[in-house]
Amino acid sequence: MPEREDQQSPEAREFQVTPIVYMIFIRNGSILLLERGRGKYDGYHSLPAGHMDKGETAQQTAVRESREELGIEVDPAAVSFAHLSHVKDPDGQRFIVSMRIGSWVGEPVNNEPHKHRSIGWYPLDQLPEDMIPHARATVDNIVNGVQFEERGWNDEPFQL
């Protein structure tokens, strides 16, 4: 049983989870992916994503990040919940909320070439081999109707 708040250390009371939003764009049986261009997963494919800003909802994050990262406009009414992951890895804990984007205005482009090498549509049954493991698991879960998962717990190896 978890400790009561008054019995926890100051570090435990100040514990924070990083909220991330994946945007799920599916068109004609294909999903939109970006190829990362720097950092730990340089050259790997992933879903369009962004960190939630303070005071922002997952839906608002998806709308803002779609504009910033992909150069498209999304009506908040076209954004719906698809999947939730509670992830623990060496860098901490995250909630990754995947939001399905039902419609948008414009054609997605790589609006952040300093972060991503390329953008493209990939058939759901032929995802790239060089895909970030968690992004691949998220897509597989969505395709299979799984809405929630926990990864990286119980000493299982995990990479985001």
Protein backbone atom coordinates (compact mmCIF):
# COMPACT_ATOMS: atom_id res chain seq x y z
CA MET A 1 0.00 0.00 0.00
CA PRO A 2 1.42 3.45 -0.92
CA GLU A 3 2.52 5.73 1.88
CA ARG A 4 0.30 8.62 2.86
CA GLU A 5 1.53 11.97 1.61
CA ASP A 6 2.54 13.11 5.12
CA GLN A 7 4.75 9.98 5.41
CA GLN A 8 6.52 10.47 2.07
CA SER A 9 9.89 12.10 1.55
CA PRO A 10 10.00 15.59 0.01
CA GLU A 11 11.35 13.99 -3.19
CA ALA A 12 8.33 11.69 -3.43
CA ARG A 13 5.88 14.56 -2.87
CA GLU A 14 7.60 16.55 -5.63
CA PHE A 15 7.53 13.63 -8.06
CA GLN A 16 6.60 14.60 -11.60
CA VAL A 17 5.61 12.70 -14.72
CA THR A 18 6.40 14.15 -18.15
CA PRO A 19 3.27 14.37 -20.34
CA ILE A 20 3.84 13.72 -24.05
CA VAL A 21 1.28 13.66 -26.85
CA TYR A 22 1.61 11.49 -29.97
CA MET A 23 -0.49 12.60 -32.94
CA ILE A 24 -1.94 9.71 -34.94
CA PHE A 25 -2.62 10.57 -38.58
CA ILE A 26 -3.98 7.67 -40.63
CA ARG A 27 -4.92 8.08 -44.29
CA ASN A 28 -5.77 5.34 -46.79
CA GLY A 29 -4.29 2.61 -44.58
CA SER A 30 -1.02 4.50 -44.00
CA ILE A 31 0.29 6.32 -40.94
CA LEU A 32 2.32 9.52 -40.86
CA LEU A 33 5.85 9.15 -39.45
CA LEU A 34 8.83 11.46 -39.05
CA GLU A 35 12.46 10.41 -39.31
CA ARG A 36 14.44 11.91 -36.47
CA GLY A 37 17.47 13.94 -37.40
CA ARG A 38 19.35 14.29 -34.14
CA GLY A 39 19.79 12.89 -30.66
CA LYS A 40 19.48 9.40 -29.26
CA TYR A 41 17.23 8.14 -32.06
CA ASP A 42 18.88 9.92 -34.98
CA GLY A 43 17.73 8.15 -38.16
CA TYR A 44 14.81 6.35 -36.49
CA HIS A 45 11.17 6.86 -37.39
CA SER A 46 8.57 7.98 -34.88
CA LEU A 47 5.11 9.46 -34.60
CA PRO A 48 4.67 13.23 -34.64
CA ALA A 49 4.81 14.22 -30.98
CA GLY A 50 5.28 17.01 -28.51
CA HIS A 51 5.48 17.84 -24.84
CA MET A 52 2.36 19.18 -23.20
CA ASP A 53 2.75 22.79 -22.05
CA LYS A 54 1.68 23.83 -18.56
CA GLY A 55 -2.08 24.34 -18.43
CA GLU A 56 -2.64 22.65 -21.80
CA THR A 57 -4.90 19.65 -22.48
CA ALA A 58 -3.84 16.70 -24.63
CA GLN A 59 -6.26 17.90 -27.31
CA GLN A 60 -4.79 21.41 -27.25
CA THR A 61 -1.27 19.98 -27.43
CA ALA A 62 -2.19 17.91 -30.50
CA VAL A 63 -3.64 20.97 -32.26
CA ARG A 64 -0.62 23.18 -31.41
CA GLU A 65 2.00 20.55 -32.25
CA SER A 66 0.28 19.73 -35.56
CA ARG A 67 0.65 23.37 -36.54
CA GLU A 68 4.22 23.76 -35.26
CA GLU A 69 5.68 20.43 -36.35
CA LEU A 70 3.66 19.67 -39.49
CA GLY A 71 2.39 23.04 -40.72
CA ILE A 72 -1.26 21.96 -40.76
CA GLU A 73 -4.43 23.18 -39.08
CA VAL A 74 -6.50 20.82 -36.95
CA ASP A 75 -9.96 21.52 -35.57
CA PRO A 76 -10.08 20.43 -31.91
CA ALA A 77 -13.35 18.61 -32.68
CA ALA A 78 -11.36 16.30 -35.01
CA VAL A 79 -9.05 15.14 -32.19
CA SER A 80 -9.97 12.03 -30.19
CA PHE A 81 -8.28 9.73 -27.70
CA ALA A 82 -6.56 6.64 -29.15
CA HIS A 83 -4.11 5.23 -26.56
CA LEU A 84 -2.38 5.90 -23.23
CA SER A 85 1.01 4.59 -22.10
CA HIS A 86 2.52 4.91 -18.63
CA VAL A 87 6.23 4.56 -19.29
CA LYS A 88 9.18 4.16 -16.93
CA ASP A 89 12.71 4.33 -18.33
CA PRO A 90 16.14 5.45 -17.09
CA ASP A 91 15.17 9.10 -17.69
CA GLY A 92 12.03 9.00 -15.53
CA GLN A 93 8.33 8.41 -16.00
CA ARG A 94 6.03 9.64 -18.74
CA PHE A 95 2.40 9.56 -19.69
CA ILE A 96 2.19 9.34 -23.47
CA VAL A 97 -1.27 10.20 -24.69
CA SER A 98 -1.92 9.26 -28.32
CA MET A 99 -4.56 11.40 -30.00
CA ARG A 100 -6.11 10.40 -33.33
CA ILE A 101 -6.48 13.28 -35.77
CA GLY A 102 -9.60 12.62 -37.84
CA SER A 103 -9.19 15.47 -40.33
CA TRP A 104 -6.93 18.42 -41.00
CA VAL A 105 -6.40 21.31 -43.38
CA GLY A 106 -3.24 21.29 -45.51
CA GLU A 107 -0.68 18.64 -46.36
CA PRO A 108 1.72 17.69 -43.54
CA VAL A 109 5.29 18.86 -44.11
CA ASN A 110 8.51 18.66 -42.11
CA ASN A 111 8.14 22.05 -40.46
CA GLU A 112 11.10 21.40 -38.12
CA PRO A 113 14.03 20.29 -40.32
CA HIS A 114 16.41 21.02 -37.43
CA LYS A 115 14.76 18.09 -35.58
CA HIS A 116 13.61 15.73 -38.35
CA ARG A 117 15.18 14.52 -41.60
CA SER A 118 12.01 13.54 -43.42
CA ILE A 119 8.29 12.90 -43.23
CA GLY A 120 6.24 10.22 -44.95
CA TRP A 121 3.21 7.96 -45.05
CA TYR A 122 3.85 4.29 -44.27
CA PRO A 123 1.41 1.38 -44.70
CA LEU A 124 0.25 0.17 -41.29
CA ASP A 125 1.27 -3.37 -42.22
CA GLN A 126 4.74 -2.31 -43.47
CA LEU A 127 6.19 -0.03 -40.80
CA PRO A 128 9.90 0.86 -41.13
CA GLU A 129 12.36 -1.46 -39.39
CA ASP A 130 14.18 1.53 -37.90
CA MET A 131 11.26 2.72 -35.80
CA ILE A 132 11.56 3.81 -32.17
CA PRO A 133 10.39 0.77 -30.16
CA HIS A 134 7.78 2.60 -28.11
CA ALA A 135 6.29 4.32 -31.17
CA ARG A 136 6.03 0.94 -32.93
CA ALA A 137 4.36 -0.62 -29.86
CA THR A 138 1.91 2.28 -29.73
CA VAL A 139 0.94 1.86 -33.39
CA ASP A 140 0.56 -1.91 -32.93
CA ASN A 141 -1.64 -1.35 -29.88
CA ILE A 142 -3.86 1.13 -31.70
CA VAL A 143 -4.24 -1.20 -34.70
CA ASN A 144 -5.16 -4.04 -32.31
CA GLY A 145 -7.62 -1.97 -30.28
CA VAL A 146 -5.49 -1.82 -27.11
CA GLN A 147 -6.03 1.52 -25.39
CA PHE A 148 -3.69 1.29 -22.37
CA GLU A 149 -0.28 -0.15 -21.57
CA GLU A 150 2.44 0.14 -18.96
CA ARG A 151 6.03 -0.25 -20.14
CA GLY A 152 9.32 -0.44 -18.26
CA TRP A 153 7.95 -1.69 -14.94
CA ASN A 154 8.76 -4.89 -13.04
CA ASP A 155 12.44 -4.76 -14.03
CA GLU A 156 11.57 -5.44 -17.67
CA PRO A 157 14.05 -3.90 -20.14
CA PHE A 158 12.64 -0.91 -21.94
CA GLN A 159 13.72 1.77 -24.34
CA LEU A 160 11.59 4.75 -25.29
